[in-house]
Amino acid sequence: MTSSTMPSVGVVAQKTEPAADRGPVCKDALWRLPVTVCRITDFLGPQTSLALLERVTAVGDGVLQPSTVRSTRDVDTTIRRSRTDHLFAAPELLDAIGEVLDVIEHTLGVSCAGTVPRYGLNVHNDGDFYGPHQDTTHDFQPERMLTFVYYLNRTPQPFEGGALRVYDLSLPVHSEGTATWEGRTWRDWEPQHDSIVFFRPSAWHEVRPVRCPSKRHEDSRFAINGWMTQVPSAEQT
């Protein structure tokens, strides 16, 4: 078709409806805001991360205990299935976190002044997961100011899945309160060896199911996760 036979394209002006005649904005409308996650790769470097991987791999069945949920400290495998060592020590990781903490505080808009780290080792193998949850609310562990998760695993990665899914913030436009995690958008963060993520403990998040065909302990998804936690006044005296 030549230009002489092309139909002309016109711009139709749309009438703007007077505000007084417009219906109300939907009361169920939601803001959907992405939750900020700080992720650092190659955090400890090859030598330190491999040495730490050897230590977490050496933690045996006699030390690892079934992971618990919430303040009740109950084992509920419909919500969470993994194993934990609450006494595992990783001073080299804490030293590295201390070197970047001021940048993390600025980025996430939190203050960790006067906090101490509390952390443990978590091991996810075939079929393990942790359903959607928060690390802190007004009633549950309100002293937690910052969540961190450091990942370790063999290379090439011997498992599939296990991503950290962080749900976006969802707030009603015309009412107070927050929506639940259902129906929200999200972003998945892969558990890459020697990477660490930081985010606010109030964020809804979960560990996606892990598929580990070998089921061997050394092929697990290892993570050191914890919080920068305000020290209760009773512990300061």
C-alpha atoms as a PDB file:
ATOM      1  CA  MET A   1       0.000   0.000   0.000  1.00  0.00           C
ATOM      2  CA  THR A   2       1.495   3.343  -1.024  1.00  0.00           C
ATOM      3  CA  SER A   3       1.473   6.422   1.089  1.00  0.00           C
ATOM      4  CA  SER A   4      -1.304   7.918  -1.066  1.00  0.00           C
ATOM      5  CA  THR A   5      -3.606   5.058  -0.205  1.00  0.00           C
ATOM      6  CA  MET A   6      -2.702   4.750   3.486  1.00  0.00           C
ATOM      7  CA  PRO A   7      -5.606   5.564   5.765  1.00  0.00           C
ATOM      8  CA  SER A   8      -5.080   8.736   7.711  1.00  0.00           C
ATOM      9  CA  VAL A   9      -4.469   8.416  11.409  1.00  0.00           C
ATOM     10  CA  GLY A  10      -6.139  10.995  13.575  1.00  0.00           C
ATOM     11  CA  VAL A  11      -5.903  11.806  17.266  1.00  0.00           C
ATOM     12  CA  VAL A  12      -9.243  11.725  18.986  1.00  0.00           C
ATOM     13  CA  ALA A  13      -9.430  14.029  21.956  1.00  0.00           C
ATOM     14  CA  GLN A  14     -10.857  12.258  24.974  1.00  0.00           C
ATOM     15  CA  LYS A  15     -13.287  14.134  27.098  1.00  0.00           C
ATOM     16  CA  THR A  16     -12.170  14.531  30.678  1.00  0.00           C
ATOM     17  CA  GLU A  17     -14.987  13.655  33.033  1.00  0.00           C
ATOM     18  CA  PRO A  18     -15.521  16.253  35.720  1.00  0.00           C
ATOM     19  CA  ALA A  19     -14.246  15.132  39.110  1.00  0.00           C
ATOM     20  CA  ALA A  20     -17.685  15.648  40.621  1.00  0.00           C
ATOM     21  CA  ASP A  21     -19.170  13.063  38.217  1.00  0.00           C
ATOM     22  CA  ARG A  22     -16.431  10.466  38.672  1.00  0.00           C
ATOM     23  CA  GLY A  23     -17.089   7.452  40.877  1.00  0.00           C
ATOM     24  CA  PRO A  24     -15.016   6.822  44.026  1.00  0.00           C
ATOM     25  CA  VAL A  25     -11.636   5.155  43.838  1.00  0.00           C
ATOM     26  CA  CYS A  26     -11.852   1.426  44.579  1.00  0.00           C
ATOM     27  CA  LYS A  27     -11.673   0.870  48.319  1.00  0.00           C
ATOM     28  CA  ASP A  28      -9.855  -2.435  47.747  1.00  0.00           C
ATOM     29  CA  ALA A  29      -7.027  -0.818  45.791  1.00  0.00           C
ATOM     30  CA  LEU A  30      -3.553  -1.699  47.081  1.00  0.00           C
ATOM     31  CA  TRP A  31      -0.148  -0.124  46.919  1.00  0.00           C
ATOM     32  CA  ARG A  32       2.357  -2.722  45.779  1.00  0.00           C
ATOM     33  CA  LEU A  33       5.874  -1.735  46.745  1.00  0.00           C
ATOM     34  CA  PRO A  34       9.006  -3.881  46.310  1.00  0.00           C
ATOM     35  CA  VAL A  35      10.834  -4.787  49.511  1.00  0.00           C
ATOM     36  CA  THR A  36      14.476  -3.735  49.501  1.00  0.00           C
ATOM     37  CA  VAL A  37      16.952  -6.619  49.748  1.00  0.00           C
ATOM     38  CA  CYS A  38      20.710  -6.018  49.906  1.00  0.00           C
ATOM     39  CA  ARG A  39      22.620  -8.880  48.294  1.00  0.00           C
ATOM     40  CA  ILE A  40      26.404  -9.237  48.203  1.00  0.00           C
ATOM     41  CA  THR A  41      28.107 -11.975  46.182  1.00  0.00           C
ATOM     42  CA  ASP A  42      31.601 -13.385  46.806  1.00  0.00           C
ATOM     43  CA  PHE A  43      31.231 -12.080  50.334  1.00  0.00           C
ATOM     44  CA  LEU A  44      34.016 -13.934  52.153  1.00  0.00           C
ATOM     45  CA  GLY A  45      36.075 -14.955  49.135  1.00  0.00           C
ATOM     46  CA  PRO A  46      37.048 -18.455  47.922  1.00  0.00           C
ATOM     47  CA  GLN A  47      39.470 -19.445  50.679  1.00  0.00           C
ATOM     48  CA  THR A  48      37.371 -18.350  53.674  1.00  0.00           C
ATOM     49  CA  SER A  49      34.046 -19.534  52.257  1.00  0.00           C
ATOM     50  CA  LEU A  50      35.409 -23.003  51.431  1.00  0.00           C
ATOM     51  CA  ALA A  51      36.900 -23.358  54.906  1.00  0.00           C
ATOM     52  CA  LEU A  52      33.547 -22.380  56.403  1.00  0.00           C
ATOM     53  CA  LEU A  53      31.757 -24.843  54.106  1.00  0.00           C
ATOM     54  CA  GLU A  54      33.986 -27.640  55.417  1.00  0.00           C
ATOM     55  CA  ARG A  55      32.986 -26.730  58.974  1.00  0.00           C
ATOM     56  CA  VAL A  56      29.249 -26.655  58.300  1.00  0.00           C
ATOM     57  CA  THR A  57      29.459 -29.928  56.381  1.00  0.00           C
ATOM     58  CA  ALA A  58      31.186 -31.522  59.377  1.00  0.00           C
ATOM     59  CA  VAL A  59      28.263 -30.719  61.691  1.00  0.00           C
ATOM     60  CA  GLY A  60      26.740 -34.144  62.268  1.00  0.00           C
ATOM     61  CA  ASP A  61      23.302 -35.575  62.933  1.00  0.00           C
ATOM     62  CA  GLY A  62      23.942 -35.645  66.662  1.00  0.00           C
ATOM     63  CA  VAL A  63      24.173 -31.849  66.721  1.00  0.00           C
ATOM     64  CA  LEU A  64      21.508 -30.845  64.198  1.00  0.00           C
ATOM     65  CA  GLN A  65      18.001 -30.690  65.602  1.00  0.00           C
ATOM     66  CA  PRO A  66      14.619 -30.322  63.850  1.00  0.00           C
ATOM     67  CA  SER A  67      13.886 -26.638  63.255  1.00  0.00           C
ATOM     68  CA  THR A  68      11.131 -25.039  65.309  1.00  0.00           C
ATOM     69  CA  VAL A  69       8.590 -22.329  64.536  1.00  0.00           C
ATOM     70  CA  ARG A  70       7.682 -19.049  66.206  1.00  0.00           C
ATOM     71  CA  SER A  71       7.883 -18.331  69.909  1.00  0.00           C
ATOM     72  CA  THR A  72       6.315 -21.676  70.826  1.00  0.00           C
ATOM     73  CA  ARG A  73       9.479 -23.462  69.698  1.00  0.00           C
ATOM     74  CA  ASP A  74       7.352 -26.322  68.429  1.00  0.00           C
ATOM     75  CA  VAL A  75       8.314 -28.625  65.572  1.00  0.00           C
ATOM     76  CA  ASP A  76       5.630 -28.282  62.882  1.00  0.00           C
ATOM     77  CA  THR A  77       6.660 -29.861  59.573  1.00  0.00           C
ATOM     78  CA  THR A  78       3.599 -28.414  57.821  1.00  0.00           C
ATOM     79  CA  ILE A  79       5.165 -24.964  58.274  1.00  0.00           C
ATOM     80  CA  ARG A  80       8.894 -25.637  58.395  1.00  0.00           C
ATOM     81  CA  ARG A  81      11.107 -28.630  57.677  1.00  0.00           C
ATOM     82  CA  SER A  82      14.857 -28.363  58.120  1.00  0.00           C
ATOM     83  CA  ARG A  83      17.537 -28.935  60.753  1.00  0.00           C
ATOM     84  CA  THR A  84      19.298 -26.372  62.907  1.00  0.00           C
ATOM     85  CA  ASP A  85      22.424 -25.924  65.003  1.00  0.00           C
ATOM     86  CA  HIS A  86      21.804 -22.906  67.248  1.00  0.00           C
ATOM     87  CA  LEU A  87      25.330 -23.024  68.698  1.00  0.00           C
ATOM     88  CA  PHE A  88      27.297 -22.942  65.430  1.00  0.00           C
ATOM     89  CA  ALA A  89      29.927 -20.183  65.528  1.00  0.00           C
ATOM     90  CA  ALA A  90      31.152 -18.229  62.496  1.00  0.00           C
ATOM     91  CA  PRO A  91      33.242 -15.280  63.772  1.00  0.00           C
ATOM     92  CA  GLU A  92      34.707 -14.642  60.323  1.00  0.00           C
ATOM     93  CA  LEU A  93      31.201 -14.030  58.986  1.00  0.00           C
ATOM     94  CA  LEU A  94      30.361 -11.609  61.788  1.00  0.00           C
ATOM     95  CA  ASP A  95      33.589  -9.683  61.147  1.00  0.00           C
ATOM     96  CA  ALA A  96      32.678  -9.314  57.460  1.00  0.00           C
ATOM     97  CA  ILE A  97      29.135  -8.203  58.296  1.00  0.00           C
ATOM     98  CA  GLY A  98      30.566  -5.564  60.621  1.00  0.00           C
ATOM     99  CA  GLU A  99      32.562  -4.093  57.735  1.00  0.00           C
ATOM    100  CA  VAL A 100      29.457  -3.468  55.591  1.00  0.00           C
ATOM    101  CA  LEU A 101      26.865  -2.839  58.298  1.00  0.00           C
ATOM    102  CA  ASP A 102      26.860   0.954  57.992  1.00  0.00           C
ATOM    103  CA  VAL A 103      26.077   0.730  54.268  1.00  0.00           C
ATOM    104  CA  ILE A 104      23.320  -1.823  54.915  1.00  0.00           C
ATOM    105  CA  GLU A 105      21.789   0.378  57.617  1.00  0.00           C
ATOM    106  CA  HIS A 106      21.736   3.364  55.271  1.00  0.00           C
ATOM    107  CA  THR A 107      20.227   1.376  52.396  1.00  0.00           C
ATOM    108  CA  LEU A 108      17.494  -0.300  54.449  1.00  0.00           C
ATOM    109  CA  GLY A 109      16.811   2.682  56.692  1.00  0.00           C
ATOM    110  CA  VAL A 110      17.478   0.851  59.956  1.00  0.00           C
ATOM    111  CA  SER A 111      19.779   1.436  62.904  1.00  0.00           C
ATOM    112  CA  CYS A 112      21.692  -1.431  64.481  1.00  0.00           C
ATOM    113  CA  ALA A 113      23.240   0.697  67.208  1.00  0.00           C
ATOM    114  CA  GLY A 114      23.354  -1.237  70.457  1.00  0.00           C
ATOM    115  CA  THR A 115      22.477  -4.560  68.819  1.00  0.00           C
ATOM    116  CA  VAL A 116      24.164  -7.946  69.029  1.00  0.00           C
ATOM    117  CA  PRO A 117      24.089 -10.749  66.433  1.00  0.00           C
ATOM    118  CA  ARG A 118      22.096 -13.900  67.138  1.00  0.00           C
ATOM    119  CA  TYR A 119      22.382 -16.606  64.515  1.00  0.00           C
ATOM    120  CA  GLY A 120      22.544 -20.306  63.759  1.00  0.00           C
ATOM    121  CA  LEU A 121      23.172 -22.871  61.033  1.00  0.00           C
ATOM    122  CA  ASN A 122      20.208 -24.133  59.011  1.00  0.00           C
ATOM    123  CA  VAL A 123      20.392 -27.199  56.762  1.00  0.00           C
ATOM    124  CA  HIS A 124      17.819 -27.943  54.054  1.00  0.00           C
ATOM    125  CA  ASN A 125      17.853 -31.279  52.228  1.00  0.00           C
ATOM    126  CA  ASP A 126      15.404 -33.034  49.922  1.00  0.00           C
ATOM    127  CA  GLY A 127      11.829 -31.845  50.486  1.00  0.00           C
ATOM    128  CA  ASP A 128      12.744 -29.266  53.132  1.00  0.00           C
ATOM    129  CA  PHE A 129      11.194 -25.776  53.119  1.00  0.00           C
ATOM    130  CA  TYR A 130       9.989 -22.915  55.305  1.00  0.00           C
ATOM    131  CA  GLY A 131       6.555 -21.459  54.521  1.00  0.00           C
ATOM    132  CA  PRO A 132       5.741 -17.729  54.385  1.00  0.00           C
ATOM    133  CA  HIS A 133       6.490 -15.973  57.658  1.00  0.00           C
ATOM    134  CA  GLN A 134       7.907 -12.838  59.276  1.00  0.00           C
ATOM    135  CA  ASP A 135      10.947 -12.777  61.544  1.00  0.00           C
ATOM    136  CA  THR A 136       9.462 -10.053  63.706  1.00  0.00           C
ATOM    137  CA  THR A 137       6.152  -8.383  64.518  1.00  0.00           C
ATOM    138  CA  HIS A 138       5.029  -6.074  67.312  1.00  0.00           C
ATOM    139  CA  ASP A 139       4.268  -9.127  69.441  1.00  0.00           C
ATOM    140  CA  PHE A 140       6.864 -11.623  68.186  1.00  0.00           C
ATOM    141  CA  GLN A 141      10.592 -10.884  68.598  1.00  0.00           C
ATOM    142  CA  PRO A 142      10.162  -7.084  68.250  1.00  0.00           C
ATOM    143  CA  GLU A 143      13.833  -6.564  69.146  1.00  0.00           C
ATOM    144  CA  ARG A 144      15.043  -7.977  65.818  1.00  0.00           C
ATOM    145  CA  MET A 145      16.230  -5.035  63.707  1.00  0.00           C
ATOM    146  CA  LEU A 146      17.896  -6.707  60.698  1.00  0.00           C
ATOM    147  CA  THR A 147      17.800 -10.176  59.124  1.00  0.00           C
ATOM    148  CA  PHE A 148      20.807 -11.691  57.353  1.00  0.00           C
ATOM    149  CA  VAL A 149      21.204 -14.997  55.512  1.00  0.00           C
ATOM    150  CA  TYR A 150      24.580 -16.279  54.285  1.00  0.00           C
ATOM    151  CA  TYR A 151      24.592 -19.212  51.826  1.00  0.00           C
ATOM    152  CA  LEU A 152      27.038 -22.092  51.488  1.00  0.00           C
ATOM    153  CA  ASN A 153      26.928 -25.119  49.219  1.00  0.00           C
ATOM    154  CA  ARG A 154      29.106 -27.353  47.093  1.00  0.00           C
ATOM    155  CA  THR A 155      29.930 -26.384  43.502  1.00  0.00           C
ATOM    156  CA  PRO A 156      28.349 -27.226  41.146  1.00  0.00           C
ATOM    157  CA  GLN A 157      25.202 -26.819  43.198  1.00  0.00           C
ATOM    158  CA  PRO A 158      23.983 -30.346  44.085  1.00  0.00           C
ATOM    159  CA  PHE A 159      20.360 -29.355  44.745  1.00  0.00           C
ATOM    160  CA  GLU A 160      17.567 -27.440  43.056  1.00  0.00           C
ATOM    161  CA  GLY A 161      15.118 -24.943  44.510  1.00  0.00           C
ATOM    162  CA  GLY A 162      15.624 -23.432  47.931  1.00  0.00           C
ATOM    163  CA  ALA A 163      15.285 -19.844  46.751  1.00  0.00           C
ATOM    164  CA  LEU A 164      14.532 -17.126  49.270  1.00  0.00           C
ATOM    165  CA  ARG A 165      11.193 -15.669  48.174  1.00  0.00           C
ATOM    166  CA  VAL A 166      10.599 -12.147  49.497  1.00  0.00           C
ATOM    167  CA  TYR A 167       7.067 -10.796  49.119  1.00  0.00           C
ATOM    168  CA  ASP A 168       6.437  -7.211  48.111  1.00  0.00           C
ATOM    169  CA  LEU A 169       4.815  -4.804  50.524  1.00  0.00           C
ATOM    170  CA  SER A 170       1.053  -4.562  50.065  1.00  0.00           C
ATOM    171  CA  LEU A 171      -0.908  -1.784  51.767  1.00  0.00           C
ATOM    172  CA  PRO A 172      -4.572  -0.799  51.374  1.00  0.00           C
ATOM    173  CA  VAL A 173      -4.906   2.692  49.909  1.00  0.00           C
ATOM    174  CA  HIS A 174      -7.874   3.803  52.013  1.00  0.00           C
ATOM    175  CA  SER A 175      -7.522   1.937  55.290  1.00  0.00           C
ATOM    176  CA  GLU A 176      -4.940   1.137  57.917  1.00  0.00           C
ATOM    177  CA  GLY A 177      -3.210  -2.185  58.338  1.00  0.00           C
ATOM    178  CA  THR A 178      -1.393  -4.581  56.049  1.00  0.00           C
ATOM    179  CA  ALA A 179      -2.509  -7.369  53.782  1.00  0.00           C
ATOM    180  CA  THR A 180      -1.398 -10.951  54.282  1.00  0.00           C
ATOM    181  CA  TRP A 181       1.230 -12.550  52.052  1.00  0.00           C
ATOM    182  CA  GLU A 182      -1.385 -14.289  49.863  1.00  0.00           C
ATOM    183  CA  GLY A 183      -1.822 -12.706  46.455  1.00  0.00           C
ATOM    184  CA  ARG A 184       1.276 -10.544  46.692  1.00  0.00           C
ATOM    185  CA  THR A 185       3.959 -10.239  44.074  1.00  0.00           C
ATOM    186  CA  TRP A 186       7.438 -11.386  44.997  1.00  0.00           C
ATOM    187  CA  ARG A 187      11.071 -11.803  43.966  1.00  0.00           C
ATOM    188  CA  ASP A 188      13.147 -14.967  44.360  1.00  0.00           C
ATOM    189  CA  TRP A 189      16.791 -14.795  45.481  1.00  0.00           C
ATOM    190  CA  GLU A 190      18.860 -17.858  44.622  1.00  0.00           C
ATOM    191  CA  PRO A 191      20.997 -19.437  47.388  1.00  0.00           C
ATOM    192  CA  GLN A 192      24.304 -18.871  45.611  1.00  0.00           C
ATOM    193  CA  HIS A 193      27.415 -20.073  47.434  1.00  0.00           C
ATOM    194  CA  ASP A 194      29.261 -17.280  49.305  1.00  0.00           C
ATOM    195  CA  SER A 195      26.423 -14.788  48.897  1.00  0.00           C
ATOM    196  CA  ILE A 196      24.577 -12.966  51.667  1.00  0.00           C
ATOM    197  CA  VAL A 197      21.283 -11.095  51.798  1.00  0.00           C
ATOM    198  CA  PHE A 198      20.039  -8.487  54.267  1.00  0.00           C
ATOM    199  CA  PHE A 199      16.451  -7.303  54.690  1.00  0.00           C
ATOM    200  CA  ARG A 200      14.037  -6.005  57.304  1.00  0.00           C
ATOM    201  CA  PRO A 201      12.720  -8.773  59.593  1.00  0.00           C
ATOM    202  CA  SER A 202       9.138  -7.561  59.105  1.00  0.00           C
ATOM    203  CA  ALA A 203       9.194  -8.612  55.436  1.00  0.00           C
ATOM    204  CA  TRP A 204       7.130 -11.670  54.537  1.00  0.00           C
ATOM    205  CA  HIS A 205       9.448 -14.328  53.111  1.00  0.00           C
ATOM    206  CA  GLU A 206       9.854 -18.077  52.690  1.00  0.00           C
ATOM    207  CA  VAL A 207      12.330 -20.783  51.691  1.00  0.00           C
ATOM    208  CA  ARG A 208      11.089 -22.543  48.570  1.00  0.00           C
ATOM    209  CA  PRO A 209      11.146 -26.360  48.613  1.00  0.00           C
ATOM    210  CA  VAL A 210      14.535 -27.989  48.074  1.00  0.00           C
ATOM    211  CA  ARG A 211      15.089 -30.929  45.729  1.00  0.00           C
ATOM    212  CA  CYS A 212      18.261 -32.859  46.559  1.00  0.00           C
ATOM    213  CA  PRO A 213      18.301 -36.140  44.582  1.00  0.00           C
ATOM    214  CA  SER A 214      21.278 -37.645  46.440  1.00  0.00           C
ATOM    215  CA  LYS A 215      19.785 -36.846  49.886  1.00  0.00           C
ATOM    216  CA  ARG A 216      23.354 -36.735  51.191  1.00  0.00           C
ATOM    217  CA  HIS A 217      24.094 -34.309  54.007  1.00  0.00           C
ATOM    218  CA  GLU A 218      27.068 -32.779  52.211  1.00  0.00           C
ATOM    219  CA  ASP A 219      24.832 -31.925  49.230  1.00  0.00           C
ATOM    220  CA  SER A 220      22.456 -29.855  51.373  1.00  0.00           C
ATOM    221  CA  ARG A 221      21.552 -26.204  51.122  1.00  0.00           C
ATOM    222  CA  PHE A 222      23.506 -24.690  54.035  1.00  0.00           C
ATOM    223  CA  ALA A 223      22.701 -21.244  55.383  1.00  0.00           C
ATOM    224  CA  ILE A 224      23.811 -19.222  58.368  1.00  0.00           C
ATOM    225  CA  ASN A 225      20.919 -16.978  59.202  1.00  0.00           C
ATOM    226  CA  GLY A 226      20.423 -14.550  62.015  1.00  0.00           C
ATOM    227  CA  TRP A 227      19.488 -11.102  63.185  1.00  0.00           C
ATOM    228  CA  MET A 228      20.977  -7.949  64.590  1.00  0.00           C
ATOM    229  CA  THR A 229      19.026  -7.858  67.839  1.00  0.00           C
ATOM    230  CA  GLN A 230      18.522  -5.200  70.472  1.00  0.00           C
ATOM    231  CA  VAL A 231      19.768  -6.352  73.851  1.00  0.00           C
ATOM    232  CA  PRO A 232      16.939  -6.490  76.423  1.00  0.00           C
ATOM    233  CA  SER A 233      17.479  -4.068  79.280  1.00  0.00           C
ATOM    234  CA  ALA A 234      17.684  -6.972  81.729  1.00  0.00           C
ATOM    235  CA  GLU A 235      20.772  -8.253  79.921  1.00  0.00           C
ATOM    236  CA  GLN A 236      22.445  -4.829  79.954  1.00  0.00           C
ATOM    237  CA  THR A 237      22.553  -4.545  83.739  1.00  0.00           C
END
